Amino acid sequence: MLNGLDETDIQILEIIQRNARLSNAQIGVSVSKSQASVNARLKRLHDEGFILRYVALLDHAKVERNVMAITNLKLTDHSRKALKHFENEVNKLPEVLECLHVTGDYDFMLKVIVKDIAAYQQFLENTVFESVPLASVQSSIVLKQTKMGTAVAISGGKTIA
């Protein structure tokens, strides 16, 4: 058992990572359990923090967010207080899809999505550069996204969706 999960829990998590809109009855058919059993398991998985939230993945181009950038940032101050302040400020920014505290030459890596290059420049100048003192910033503009996923492989290393 993985952190208290049995095989049915794992199957349910794999299924909802592919399609969270399935009904509990549909999930039940796939895992050979009743709708009530699936409902109880999903409630428990949510209550225990295995399921954080349900979201929809959007087509970036259709919502006019055509520029994705990977922004690497090095802070001048590495105190716990400064790091926490930066994280709090970044979490407020809707342009930031992901914020990763990383090892290596930079302190943070941001995955940013905006309408165009001018919007990215404004994002940097008006938000990132103003949030905390930075030692350096390095941006990479994404030319093509060949994979977009959110599913975590939890069953025997298989990748799902």
Protein backbone atom coordinates (compact mmCIF):
# COMPACT_ATOMS: atom_id res chain seq x y z
CA MET A 1 0.00 0.00 0.00
CA LEU A 2 1.23 3.44 -0.99
CA ASN A 3 0.66 5.93 1.85
CA GLY A 4 -2.42 4.01 2.92
CA LEU A 5 -3.83 3.70 -0.60
CA ASP A 6 -5.08 0.36 -1.80
CA GLU A 7 -5.22 -0.74 -5.44
CA THR A 8 -8.78 0.59 -5.86
CA ASP A 9 -7.80 4.01 -4.50
CA ILE A 10 -4.90 4.11 -6.95
CA GLN A 11 -7.13 3.11 -9.86
CA ILE A 12 -9.64 5.81 -8.92
CA LEU A 13 -6.89 8.44 -8.75
CA GLU A 14 -5.57 7.36 -12.14
CA ILE A 15 -9.04 7.53 -13.67
CA ILE A 16 -9.90 10.98 -12.35
CA GLN A 17 -6.52 12.32 -13.47
CA ARG A 18 -7.54 11.43 -17.03
CA ASN A 19 -11.11 12.65 -16.71
CA ALA A 20 -12.44 14.18 -13.50
CA ARG A 21 -15.88 14.67 -15.05
CA LEU A 22 -16.76 10.99 -14.96
CA SER A 23 -19.63 10.18 -12.66
CA ASN A 24 -19.01 8.07 -9.60
CA ALA A 25 -21.13 5.36 -11.24
CA GLN A 26 -18.87 5.38 -14.33
CA ILE A 27 -15.78 5.19 -12.14
CA GLY A 28 -17.40 2.37 -10.17
CA VAL A 29 -17.86 0.30 -13.32
CA SER A 30 -14.15 0.70 -14.12
CA VAL A 31 -13.03 -0.38 -10.64
CA SER A 32 -15.80 -2.89 -9.94
CA LYS A 33 -17.19 -0.93 -6.99
CA SER A 34 -20.57 0.64 -6.25
CA GLN A 35 -21.27 4.31 -6.79
CA ALA A 36 -21.59 4.74 -3.02
CA SER A 37 -18.21 3.10 -2.44
CA VAL A 38 -16.55 5.35 -5.04
CA ASN A 39 -18.21 8.41 -3.49
CA ALA A 40 -16.90 7.47 -0.03
CA ARG A 41 -13.41 6.80 -1.37
CA LEU A 42 -13.30 10.11 -3.28
CA LYS A 43 -14.44 12.01 -0.19
CA ARG A 44 -11.74 10.30 1.90
CA LEU A 45 -9.06 10.93 -0.75
CA HIS A 46 -10.04 14.59 -0.83
CA ASP A 47 -10.25 14.91 2.96
CA GLU A 48 -6.82 13.28 3.36
CA GLY A 49 -5.27 15.67 0.84
CA PHE A 50 -4.56 13.25 -2.00
CA ILE A 51 -6.91 15.22 -4.25
CA LEU A 52 -6.11 18.92 -4.04
CA ARG A 53 -8.67 20.29 -6.52
CA TYR A 54 -10.42 19.70 -9.82
CA VAL A 55 -9.55 21.93 -12.78
CA ALA A 56 -10.09 22.30 -16.51
CA LEU A 57 -7.17 22.52 -18.93
CA LEU A 58 -7.72 25.29 -21.47
CA ASP A 59 -6.45 25.74 -25.01
CA HIS A 60 -4.00 28.63 -24.56
CA ALA A 61 -4.45 29.96 -28.08
CA LYS A 62 -8.24 30.06 -27.81
CA VAL A 63 -8.01 32.23 -24.68
CA GLU A 64 -5.36 34.40 -26.37
CA ARG A 65 -2.44 33.41 -24.17
CA ASN A 66 0.02 32.75 -26.98
CA VAL A 67 3.34 33.32 -25.21
CA MET A 68 4.69 30.95 -22.60
CA ALA A 69 8.00 31.74 -20.95
CA ILE A 70 10.20 29.92 -18.49
CA THR A 71 11.63 32.62 -16.25
CA ASN A 72 14.62 31.81 -14.04
CA LEU A 73 15.21 34.17 -11.13
CA LYS A 74 18.08 34.59 -8.72
CA LEU A 75 17.30 36.62 -5.59
CA THR A 76 19.83 38.85 -3.88
CA ASP A 77 18.55 37.94 -0.42
CA HIS A 78 18.26 34.25 0.48
CA SER A 79 16.90 34.64 3.98
CA ARG A 80 13.85 32.60 4.89
CA LYS A 81 11.85 35.83 5.18
CA ALA A 82 12.86 37.02 1.69
CA LEU A 83 12.11 33.65 0.10
CA LYS A 84 8.69 33.49 1.75
CA HIS A 85 7.93 37.09 0.70
CA PHE A 86 8.82 36.27 -2.91
CA GLU A 87 6.67 33.12 -2.87
CA ASN A 88 3.72 35.05 -1.45
CA GLU A 89 4.04 37.76 -4.10
CA VAL A 90 4.36 35.28 -6.98
CA ASN A 91 1.31 33.34 -5.80
CA LYS A 92 -0.77 36.48 -6.39
CA LEU A 93 0.19 36.72 -10.07
CA PRO A 94 -2.34 35.17 -12.47
CA GLU A 95 0.26 35.03 -15.27
CA VAL A 96 2.31 32.49 -13.29
CA LEU A 97 1.15 28.93 -13.89
CA GLU A 98 3.89 27.36 -11.78
CA CYS A 99 6.54 28.57 -9.36
CA LEU A 100 9.32 26.17 -8.48
CA HIS A 101 12.02 26.75 -5.85
CA VAL A 102 15.00 25.04 -7.48
CA THR A 103 18.65 24.17 -6.99
CA GLY A 104 21.40 25.32 -9.32
CA ASP A 105 22.25 28.73 -10.71
CA TYR A 106 18.82 30.20 -10.03
CA ASP A 107 16.53 30.22 -7.02
CA PHE A 108 13.14 30.07 -8.73
CA MET A 109 11.73 28.95 -12.03
CA LEU A 110 8.42 30.43 -13.16
CA LYS A 111 6.20 29.10 -15.91
CA VAL A 112 4.47 32.22 -17.21
CA ILE A 113 1.72 32.57 -19.80
CA VAL A 114 0.70 35.90 -21.34
CA LYS A 115 -0.98 37.31 -24.44
CA ASP A 116 2.15 38.44 -26.28
CA ILE A 117 5.77 39.54 -25.89
CA ALA A 118 4.73 43.08 -24.93
CA ALA A 119 2.60 41.62 -22.12
CA TYR A 120 5.57 39.53 -20.97
CA GLN A 121 7.77 42.63 -20.87
CA GLN A 122 5.13 44.45 -18.81
CA PHE A 123 4.82 41.42 -16.52
CA LEU A 124 8.56 41.46 -15.86
CA GLU A 125 8.90 45.20 -15.42
CA ASN A 126 5.74 45.86 -13.41
CA THR A 127 5.53 42.78 -11.24
CA VAL A 128 8.57 40.55 -11.06
CA PHE A 129 11.21 43.29 -10.96
CA GLU A 130 9.15 45.15 -8.35
CA SER A 131 8.47 42.19 -6.03
CA VAL A 132 11.95 41.64 -4.52
CA PRO A 133 15.53 42.60 -5.32
CA LEU A 134 16.87 40.27 -7.99
CA ALA A 135 20.46 39.36 -8.80
CA SER A 136 19.57 38.03 -12.25
CA VAL A 137 16.73 37.01 -14.53
CA GLN A 138 16.91 34.67 -17.50
CA SER A 139 13.94 34.05 -19.79
CA SER A 140 13.30 31.33 -22.32
CA ILE A 141 10.34 31.74 -24.65
CA VAL A 142 8.62 28.46 -25.39
CA LEU A 143 8.44 27.86 -29.14
CA LYS A 144 6.23 24.79 -28.99
CA GLN A 145 4.66 22.76 -26.22
CA THR A 146 4.82 19.11 -27.19
CA LYS A 147 3.31 17.73 -23.99
CA MET A 148 0.93 19.22 -21.49
CA GLY A 149 -0.06 17.07 -18.58
CA THR A 150 -0.92 17.08 -14.95
CA ALA A 151 -1.21 13.37 -14.19
CA VAL A 152 1.18 11.82 -11.68
CA ALA A 153 2.21 8.23 -12.40
CA ILE A 154 1.38 6.31 -9.23
CA SER A 155 0.86 2.75 -10.43
CA GLY A 156 4.00 0.86 -11.30
CA GLY A 157 5.61 3.88 -12.95
CA LYS A 158 3.07 3.95 -15.77
CA THR A 159 2.41 7.39 -17.17
CA ILE A 160 -1.20 8.36 -17.46
CA ALA A 161 -2.69 11.10 -19.63
